[in-house]
Protein backbone atom coordinates (compact mmCIF):
# COMPACT_ATOMS: atom_id res chain seq x y z
CA ALA A 1 0.00 0.00 0.00
CA PHE A 2 1.12 3.54 -0.62
CA LEU A 3 0.29 5.75 2.32
CA SER A 4 -0.25 9.46 1.78
CA SER A 5 1.15 11.70 4.47
CA TYR A 6 3.42 14.68 3.85
CA ASN A 7 5.03 12.42 1.27
CA MET A 8 4.31 8.95 -0.11
CA TYR A 9 5.46 5.95 1.95
CA LEU A 10 5.54 2.23 1.35
CA GLY A 11 3.34 0.63 3.97
CA VAL A 12 1.32 -2.41 4.93
CA GLN A 13 -2.43 -2.64 5.27
CA PRO A 14 -3.52 -5.80 7.10
CA GLY A 15 -7.21 -6.45 7.58
CA LEU A 16 -9.94 -8.99 8.22
CA GLN A 17 -13.18 -9.63 6.37
CA TYR A 18 -16.14 -11.64 7.58
CA GLN A 19 -18.68 -12.78 4.98
CA TYR A 20 -22.19 -14.05 5.59
CA LYS A 21 -24.19 -14.98 2.47
CA ASN A 22 -23.96 -11.98 0.15
CA TRP A 23 -22.85 -9.43 2.81
CA ALA A 24 -19.37 -8.80 4.15
CA ALA A 25 -17.81 -6.53 6.78
CA ALA A 26 -14.12 -5.64 6.65
CA ALA A 27 -11.76 -3.80 8.99
CA GLU A 28 -8.19 -2.76 8.24
CA VAL A 29 -5.33 -0.70 9.55
CA ALA A 30 -2.49 0.85 7.54
CA PHE A 31 0.92 2.04 8.67
CA PRO A 32 4.29 2.77 7.05
CA LEU A 33 7.01 0.16 6.97
CA PHE A 34 9.49 2.98 7.59
CA TYR A 35 9.53 6.75 7.65
CA LYS A 36 11.65 8.52 5.06
CA THR A 37 14.44 10.71 6.36
CA LYS A 38 13.67 14.24 5.29
CA ASN A 39 15.59 17.40 6.05
CA ASP A 40 12.45 19.40 6.81
CA LEU A 41 10.48 16.99 9.06
CA GLU A 42 10.93 15.13 12.28
CA LYS A 43 8.52 13.01 14.31
CA ASP A 44 6.41 12.16 11.26
CA GLN A 45 3.40 9.94 12.14
CA TYR A 46 0.77 8.25 9.94
CA HIS A 47 -1.80 5.55 10.76
CA ARG A 48 -5.07 4.78 9.00
CA PHE A 49 -8.06 2.77 10.22
CA GLY A 50 -10.88 1.65 7.96
CA LEU A 51 -14.24 -0.11 7.95
CA GLU A 52 -16.11 -1.35 4.89
CA VAL A 53 -19.51 -2.96 4.33
CA LYS A 54 -19.87 -4.92 1.06
CA LYS A 55 -22.94 -6.26 -0.73
CA TYR A 56 -22.12 -9.01 -3.21
CA ARG A 57 -24.40 -9.52 -6.19
CA SER A 58 -24.75 -13.27 -5.52
CA LYS A 59 -24.66 -15.49 -2.45
CA THR A 60 -22.34 -18.13 -3.87
CA PHE A 61 -18.63 -17.61 -4.26
CA ALA A 62 -17.99 -17.92 -7.99
CA THR A 63 -14.58 -17.47 -9.63
CA ALA A 64 -15.32 -13.73 -9.94
CA LYS A 65 -17.89 -11.87 -7.82
CA ARG A 66 -19.02 -8.24 -8.19
CA TYR A 67 -19.82 -6.09 -5.18
CA HIS A 68 -20.73 -2.56 -4.12
CA SER A 69 -19.57 -1.14 -0.82
CA LEU A 70 -19.39 1.79 1.57
CA GLN A 71 -15.94 2.44 3.02
CA VAL A 72 -15.01 4.82 5.85
CA ASN A 73 -11.36 5.56 6.70
CA TYR A 74 -9.78 7.75 9.37
CA ALA A 75 -6.10 8.68 9.05
CA ILE A 76 -4.00 10.18 11.81
CA ARG A 77 -1.35 12.48 10.32
CA ASN A 78 1.08 14.43 12.51
CA PHE A 79 4.40 15.96 11.63
CA TYR A 80 6.80 18.55 13.01
CA LYS A 81 8.20 20.79 10.28
CA ILE A 82 11.65 22.01 11.31
CA THR A 83 12.36 24.30 8.35
CA THR A 84 10.63 27.44 7.13
CA GLY A 85 7.12 26.82 5.86
CA SER A 86 3.81 28.58 5.36
CA PHE A 87 0.07 28.08 5.63
CA GLN A 88 -3.12 29.97 4.89
CA GLU A 89 -5.96 30.60 7.31
CA ARG A 90 -8.60 30.87 4.56
CA THR A 91 -8.73 29.49 1.03
CA THR A 92 -9.30 33.03 -0.29
CA ASP A 93 -6.36 34.65 1.53
CA ASP A 94 -4.16 37.05 -0.39
CA SER A 95 -1.48 36.65 2.27
CA THR A 96 0.08 33.70 4.04
CA SER A 97 1.43 32.88 7.50
CA VAL A 98 5.14 32.05 7.43
CA TYR A 99 6.95 30.23 10.24
CA ASP A 100 10.34 28.75 11.07
CA LYS A 101 9.06 25.59 12.83
CA ALA A 102 5.59 24.16 13.53
CA LYS A 103 3.68 21.07 14.63
CA ILE A 104 1.04 20.07 12.10
CA HIS A 105 -1.93 17.90 13.08
CA SER A 106 -3.89 16.94 9.94
CA PRO A 107 -6.31 14.01 10.37
CA VAL A 108 -8.29 12.86 7.34
CA LEU A 109 -11.76 11.29 7.26
CA THR A 110 -12.86 9.70 3.97
CA VAL A 111 -16.18 8.18 2.95
CA ALA A 112 -16.41 6.42 -0.42
CA LEU A 113 -18.90 4.41 -2.42
CA LYS A 114 -16.99 1.66 -4.20
CA THR A 115 -17.55 -1.05 -6.74
CA GLY A 116 -15.28 -4.01 -7.20
CA ARG A 117 -14.76 -7.56 -8.19
CA THR A 118 -13.33 -10.37 -6.08
CA TYR A 119 -11.47 -13.14 -7.91
CA GLN A 120 -10.96 -16.60 -6.41
CA LEU A 121 -7.34 -17.59 -7.06
CA LYS A 122 -5.69 -20.95 -6.50
CA LYS A 123 -4.76 -22.30 -3.06
CA GLY A 124 -7.18 -20.13 -1.07
CA PHE A 125 -5.98 -16.74 -2.29
CA VAL A 126 -8.42 -13.97 -3.22
CA LEU A 127 -7.77 -10.89 -5.35
CA ASP A 128 -9.98 -7.84 -4.78
CA VAL A 129 -9.94 -5.12 -7.47
CA PHE A 130 -11.92 -1.94 -6.71
CA ALA A 131 -12.57 1.72 -7.54
CA GLY A 132 -14.74 4.36 -5.95
CA VAL A 133 -15.49 8.01 -5.24
CA GLY A 134 -16.55 9.98 -2.22
CA LEU A 135 -15.56 12.86 0.05
CA ARG A 136 -12.41 13.63 2.02
CA ARG A 137 -12.49 15.89 5.10
CA ILE A 138 -9.11 17.24 6.26
CA ALA A 139 -9.01 19.09 9.60
CA THR A 140 -5.57 20.70 9.80
CA SER A 141 -4.32 22.68 12.78
CA TYR A 142 -0.94 24.24 13.47
CA SER A 143 0.56 24.53 16.96
CA ASP A 144 3.90 25.35 18.62
CA VAL A 145 4.55 27.78 15.76
CA LEU A 146 7.94 29.49 16.02
CA ASN A 147 8.50 33.01 14.63
CA LEU A 148 5.07 33.45 13.00
CA ARG A 149 4.75 36.35 10.55
CA ARG A 150 2.42 37.40 7.71
CA ASP A 151 3.67 37.65 4.14
CA ARG A 152 2.16 38.49 0.77
CA TYR A 153 0.79 35.35 -0.88
CA GLY A 154 2.72 34.39 -3.98
CA ARG A 155 2.37 30.81 -5.19
CA LYS A 156 5.56 29.73 -6.88
CA ASP A 157 3.98 26.71 -8.57
CA LEU A 158 1.47 27.99 -11.08
CA THR A 159 -0.45 24.76 -11.50
CA PRO A 160 -4.22 24.37 -11.84
CA PHE A 161 -4.23 22.35 -8.60
CA PRO A 162 -4.66 23.97 -5.18
CA PRO A 163 -1.95 23.54 -2.53
CA SER A 164 -2.03 20.43 -0.33
CA ALA A 165 -4.77 20.50 2.30
CA TYR A 166 -2.26 20.60 5.17
CA LYS A 167 -1.20 24.06 3.87
CA TYR A 168 -4.48 25.47 5.27
CA ASP A 169 -5.03 25.96 9.01
CA LEU A 170 -8.70 24.97 8.76
CA THR A 171 -11.06 22.14 7.82
CA LEU A 172 -11.56 21.40 4.11
CA THR A 173 -13.84 18.98 2.29
CA ARG A 174 -12.70 17.74 -1.11
CA LEU A 175 -13.62 15.06 -3.61
CA HIS A 176 -11.99 11.70 -2.95
CA ALA A 177 -11.14 8.90 -5.39
CA THR A 178 -9.89 5.45 -4.51
CA ALA A 179 -8.72 2.51 -6.63
CA GLY A 180 -6.54 -0.49 -6.02
CA MET A 181 -6.07 -4.18 -5.43
CA ARG A 182 -5.97 -6.33 -2.31
CA LEU A 183 -4.58 -9.82 -1.99
CA GLY A 184 -6.24 -11.94 0.66
CA ILE A 185 -6.10 -15.41 2.13
CA GLN A 186 -9.43 -17.18 2.43
CA ILE A 187 -9.92 -19.12 5.67
CA LYS A 188 -12.99 -21.34 5.88
């Protein structure tokens, strides 16, 4: 699994799924295998917890089974930025808050409607391929800010995409997309 924090990390995402007839409930947790060494961060932390309810289209387990699901994830993201950075207090600001060091707490709640297909592989293995859309709510707050000052806002990267959500000291709701594959072991 790739885990999205301040940067991308390689991580693991173990979980359990219980199936009864054509319904299933799944729970999972995700965490990085290691934290990258960066010159601008220390004490980086990321953990994600998720629940999913699936409705399969048939009660029997065929070679390939389609499903629709509702997935809810909560990610804990904390990092301490030890080099100069900036954030905005409103999305319409024409100025920015600049600091030398800061603690950033930026949890993320996602809710997605998904569709997928589960494939029965040999020797009890299952492959789950899925895609979905929903909403992402990011509640970022800055604390222990050192040498805070206001500066004129001048984005250096003139891209059509807004800055990362952790660059705002507020709560934002954005569209969320998810897609991927899971490999599972079926225990009867």
